[in-house]
Every structure is written in structure tokens, then in C-alpha cells.
N, C-alpha and C. Protein backbone atom coordinates (compact mmCIF):
# COMPACT_ATOMS: atom_id res chain seq x y z
N UNK A 1 47.86 20.81 46.15
CA UNK A 1 46.59 21.25 46.74
C UNK A 1 46.68 21.05 48.25
N UNK A 2 46.27 22.07 48.98
CA UNK A 2 46.25 21.96 50.44
C UNK A 2 45.23 20.91 50.86
N UNK A 3 45.52 20.23 51.96
CA UNK A 3 44.62 19.18 52.47
C UNK A 3 43.22 19.73 52.75
N UNK A 4 43.15 20.94 53.31
CA UNK A 4 41.83 21.52 53.62
C UNK A 4 41.04 21.81 52.35
N UNK A 5 41.72 22.27 51.31
CA UNK A 5 41.06 22.53 50.03
C UNK A 5 40.59 21.22 49.42
N UNK A 6 41.44 20.21 49.50
CA UNK A 6 41.09 18.91 48.93
C UNK A 6 39.83 18.35 49.59
N UNK A 7 39.77 18.44 50.91
CA UNK A 7 38.60 17.93 51.64
C UNK A 7 37.36 18.74 51.30
N UNK A 8 37.49 20.06 51.24
CA UNK A 8 36.36 20.91 50.90
C UNK A 8 35.87 20.61 49.49
N UNK A 9 36.80 20.42 48.55
CA UNK A 9 36.43 20.10 47.17
C UNK A 9 35.71 18.76 47.12
N UNK A 10 36.23 17.79 47.83
CA UNK A 10 35.60 16.47 47.85
C UNK A 10 34.17 16.54 48.34
N UNK A 11 33.94 17.30 49.41
CA UNK A 11 32.58 17.44 49.95
C UNK A 11 31.66 18.17 48.98
N UNK A 12 32.18 19.21 48.35
CA UNK A 12 31.36 19.95 47.38
C UNK A 12 30.99 19.07 46.19
N UNK A 13 31.93 18.25 45.75
CA UNK A 13 31.67 17.36 44.62
C UNK A 13 30.60 16.34 44.99
N UNK A 14 30.66 15.82 46.20
CA UNK A 14 29.63 14.88 46.63
C UNK A 14 28.25 15.55 46.64
N UNK A 15 28.20 16.81 47.09
CA UNK A 15 26.93 17.54 47.07
C UNK A 15 26.44 17.74 45.64
N UNK A 16 27.36 18.08 44.75
CA UNK A 16 27.01 18.26 43.34
C UNK A 16 26.47 16.96 42.74
N UNK A 17 27.09 15.85 43.08
CA UNK A 17 26.60 14.56 42.58
C UNK A 17 25.16 14.33 43.03
N UNK A 18 24.88 14.66 44.27
CA UNK A 18 23.51 14.52 44.78
C UNK A 18 22.54 15.44 44.05
N UNK A 19 22.98 16.67 43.80
CA UNK A 19 22.12 17.61 43.07
C UNK A 19 21.83 17.10 41.65
N UNK A 20 22.83 16.57 40.99
CA UNK A 20 22.65 16.06 39.63
C UNK A 20 21.69 14.87 39.64
N UNK A 21 21.86 13.97 40.60
CA UNK A 21 20.92 12.84 40.71
C UNK A 21 19.50 13.36 40.94
N UNK A 22 19.37 14.40 41.76
CA UNK A 22 18.05 14.99 42.02
C UNK A 22 17.44 15.57 40.76
N UNK A 23 18.25 16.21 39.94
CA UNK A 23 17.75 16.76 38.68
C UNK A 23 17.31 15.63 37.76
N UNK A 24 18.08 14.57 37.73
CA UNK A 24 17.69 13.42 36.91
C UNK A 24 16.33 12.87 37.34
N UNK A 25 16.11 12.79 38.64
CA UNK A 25 14.82 12.32 39.16
C UNK A 25 13.71 13.29 38.80
N UNK A 26 14.00 14.60 38.87
CA UNK A 26 12.99 15.60 38.50
C UNK A 26 12.57 15.42 37.04
N UNK A 27 13.54 15.20 36.17
CA UNK A 27 13.24 15.01 34.74
C UNK A 27 12.42 13.73 34.56
N UNK A 28 12.85 12.67 35.22
CA UNK A 28 12.13 11.40 35.14
C UNK A 28 10.69 11.54 35.62
N UNK A 29 10.50 12.34 36.65
CA UNK A 29 9.17 12.53 37.24
C UNK A 29 8.37 13.64 36.57
N UNK A 30 8.87 14.17 35.45
CA UNK A 30 8.20 15.26 34.72
C UNK A 30 7.95 16.48 35.59
N UNK A 31 8.97 16.88 36.34
CA UNK A 31 8.86 18.09 37.16
C UNK A 31 8.67 19.32 36.26
N UNK A 32 8.14 20.36 36.83
CA UNK A 32 7.93 21.62 36.13
C UNK A 32 9.26 22.13 35.57
N UNK A 33 9.28 22.49 34.31
CA UNK A 33 10.51 22.88 33.62
C UNK A 33 11.29 23.97 34.35
N UNK A 34 10.60 24.97 34.82
CA UNK A 34 11.27 26.08 35.51
C UNK A 34 11.97 25.58 36.77
N UNK A 35 11.38 24.62 37.46
CA UNK A 35 12.02 24.05 38.65
C UNK A 35 13.30 23.31 38.28
N UNK A 36 13.27 22.58 37.17
CA UNK A 36 14.48 21.88 36.71
C UNK A 36 15.54 22.90 36.32
N UNK A 37 15.14 23.92 35.59
CA UNK A 37 16.10 24.96 35.19
C UNK A 37 16.71 25.67 36.40
N UNK A 38 15.91 25.90 37.42
CA UNK A 38 16.41 26.53 38.65
C UNK A 38 17.47 25.65 39.29
N UNK A 39 17.22 24.35 39.33
CA UNK A 39 18.20 23.42 39.92
C UNK A 39 19.47 23.35 39.07
N UNK A 40 19.31 23.39 37.75
CA UNK A 40 20.49 23.41 36.87
C UNK A 40 21.34 24.65 37.12
N UNK A 41 20.68 25.79 37.31
CA UNK A 41 21.42 27.01 37.60
C UNK A 41 22.17 26.90 38.93
N UNK A 42 21.55 26.27 39.91
CA UNK A 42 22.19 26.07 41.21
C UNK A 42 23.44 25.19 41.06
N UNK A 43 23.34 24.16 40.24
CA UNK A 43 24.50 23.29 40.00
C UNK A 43 25.60 24.06 39.28
N UNK A 44 25.21 24.85 38.31
CA UNK A 44 26.18 25.65 37.56
C UNK A 44 26.92 26.62 38.50
N UNK A 45 26.17 27.28 39.38
CA UNK A 45 26.79 28.21 40.33
C UNK A 45 27.71 27.47 41.30
N UNK A 46 27.31 26.28 41.72
CA UNK A 46 28.14 25.49 42.63
C UNK A 46 29.43 25.05 41.94
N UNK A 47 29.33 24.67 40.67
CA UNK A 47 30.53 24.28 39.91
C UNK A 47 31.48 25.47 39.76
N UNK A 48 30.92 26.63 39.47
CA UNK A 48 31.75 27.82 39.33
C UNK A 48 32.43 28.16 40.65
N UNK A 49 31.72 28.05 41.74
CA UNK A 49 32.29 28.32 43.05
C UNK A 49 33.43 27.34 43.36
N UNK A 50 33.22 26.08 43.05
CA UNK A 50 34.26 25.07 43.25
C UNK A 50 35.48 25.39 42.39
N UNK A 51 35.25 25.74 41.15
CA UNK A 51 36.36 26.09 40.26
C UNK A 51 37.15 27.27 40.78
N UNK A 52 36.47 28.29 41.27
CA UNK A 52 37.16 29.46 41.81
C UNK A 52 37.95 29.12 43.07
N UNK A 53 37.40 28.23 43.89
CA UNK A 53 38.13 27.79 45.09
C UNK A 53 39.41 27.07 44.69
N UNK A 54 39.32 26.19 43.68
CA UNK A 54 40.50 25.46 43.22
C UNK A 54 41.50 26.39 42.55
N UNK A 55 41.01 27.37 41.81
CA UNK A 55 41.89 28.35 41.18
C UNK A 55 42.63 29.16 42.24
N UNK A 56 41.93 29.57 43.28
CA UNK A 56 42.56 30.30 44.37
C UNK A 56 43.64 29.46 45.04
N UNK A 57 43.34 28.19 45.29
CA UNK A 57 44.32 27.30 45.90
C UNK A 57 45.55 27.16 45.00
N UNK A 58 45.31 27.05 43.70
CA UNK A 58 46.41 26.92 42.74
C UNK A 58 47.33 28.14 42.80
N UNK A 59 46.72 29.33 42.87
CA UNK A 59 47.52 30.56 42.95
C UNK A 59 48.34 30.58 44.23
N UNK A 60 47.71 30.24 45.33
CA UNK A 60 48.37 30.33 46.64
C UNK A 60 49.40 29.23 46.88
N UNK A 61 49.34 28.14 46.13
CA UNK A 61 50.29 27.05 46.34
C UNK A 61 51.20 26.90 45.13
N UNK A 62 50.70 26.33 44.06
CA UNK A 62 51.53 26.01 42.89
C UNK A 62 52.21 27.23 42.28
N UNK A 63 51.43 28.26 42.01
CA UNK A 63 51.99 29.45 41.37
C UNK A 63 52.95 30.16 42.31
N UNK A 64 52.55 30.34 43.56
CA UNK A 64 53.42 31.02 44.53
C UNK A 64 54.74 30.27 44.70
N UNK A 65 54.70 28.95 44.80
CA UNK A 65 55.92 28.15 44.94
C UNK A 65 56.81 28.30 43.72
N UNK A 66 56.22 28.28 42.53
CA UNK A 66 56.99 28.42 41.30
C UNK A 66 57.65 29.80 41.22
N UNK A 67 56.92 30.84 41.59
CA UNK A 67 57.48 32.19 41.55
C UNK A 67 58.63 32.31 42.55
N UNK A 68 58.42 31.77 43.75
CA UNK A 68 59.49 31.83 44.77
C UNK A 68 60.76 31.11 44.31
N UNK A 69 60.59 30.03 43.57
CA UNK A 69 61.75 29.25 43.12
C UNK A 69 62.37 29.81 41.84
N UNK A 70 61.78 30.88 41.30
CA UNK A 70 62.31 31.48 40.09
C UNK A 70 61.81 30.83 38.81
N UNK A 71 60.85 29.93 38.93
CA UNK A 71 60.31 29.20 37.79
C UNK A 71 58.87 29.61 37.51
N UNK A 72 58.51 30.84 37.73
CA UNK A 72 57.11 31.25 37.69
C UNK A 72 56.52 31.52 36.33
N UNK A 73 57.32 31.70 35.32
CA UNK A 73 56.79 32.10 34.01
C UNK A 73 55.79 31.09 33.46
N UNK A 74 56.14 29.84 33.48
CA UNK A 74 55.26 28.80 32.95
C UNK A 74 53.96 28.72 33.75
N UNK A 75 54.07 28.79 35.07
CA UNK A 75 52.87 28.73 35.93
C UNK A 75 52.00 29.95 35.73
N UNK A 76 52.61 31.11 35.53
CA UNK A 76 51.82 32.32 35.30
C UNK A 76 51.07 32.22 33.97
N UNK A 77 51.72 31.68 32.94
CA UNK A 77 51.05 31.48 31.65
C UNK A 77 49.88 30.51 31.81
N UNK A 78 50.11 29.43 32.54
CA UNK A 78 49.07 28.44 32.80
C UNK A 78 47.90 29.08 33.55
N UNK A 79 48.22 29.91 34.54
CA UNK A 79 47.20 30.61 35.31
C UNK A 79 46.39 31.55 34.43
N UNK A 80 47.06 32.30 33.58
CA UNK A 80 46.37 33.22 32.68
C UNK A 80 45.39 32.48 31.78
N UNK A 81 45.81 31.33 31.27
CA UNK A 81 44.93 30.52 30.40
C UNK A 81 43.72 30.03 31.19
N UNK A 82 43.93 29.61 32.42
CA UNK A 82 42.81 29.13 33.26
C UNK A 82 41.82 30.26 33.55
N UNK A 83 42.34 31.44 33.84
CA UNK A 83 41.47 32.59 34.11
C UNK A 83 40.66 32.94 32.86
N UNK A 84 41.30 32.90 31.69
CA UNK A 84 40.58 33.18 30.44
C UNK A 84 39.45 32.17 30.23
N UNK A 85 39.70 30.90 30.53
CA UNK A 85 38.64 29.90 30.38
C UNK A 85 37.47 30.20 31.29
N UNK A 86 37.74 30.61 32.51
CA UNK A 86 36.68 30.95 33.45
C UNK A 86 35.95 32.21 33.03
N UNK A 87 36.65 33.17 32.46
CA UNK A 87 36.04 34.45 32.08
C UNK A 87 35.08 34.31 30.90
N UNK A 88 35.18 33.24 30.13
CA UNK A 88 34.31 33.04 28.96
C UNK A 88 32.90 32.67 29.34
N UNK A 89 32.67 32.29 30.54
CA UNK A 89 31.35 31.81 30.95
C UNK A 89 30.34 32.90 30.94
């Protein structure tokens, strides 16, 4: 993983942790259900965005390096499986 991707992922995860804590507080405080659902959707979208960023980094680093070295078949299979998992959402 590139250092810039790692730092960006770390920051996004910290934001997600804050959002989850906020949702927990909303539930504890009996917030309006639609407001809680809206926040859950925001967290879901943020998780998906993070996953796509990590997937992109994986393609540009791990998979590209494996293909260049002639060892790409296993990484391509792994990539295909990861894409299928994301496509199920």
C-alpha cells in the first residue's frame, strides 16, 4: 500500500469511527429513526468509498507489480474475487 493511501485510509477510518459513535449516541438519545437511517447510509457510502480506494491502490501496486514480474495470475484471480464481493452490494 502506498504511504499516501495508507494515511488517507487511516484518516477516513477515524472519521468513520466518529460517525459510528455519533449514531450510537443518536440511538441512545432516541433520535428520529429517519435521521439514524440517514447517518447509517452515510457510513455505508463512506465504507464503500474507502473500499474502492483500497481496491484501486491494490490494482496499481500489488497487481501491477505481480503482472510485471510474470506472477500476475494469482493476483488477477484475487482481484476478480474482490471485485465480485464489492459488486454484490
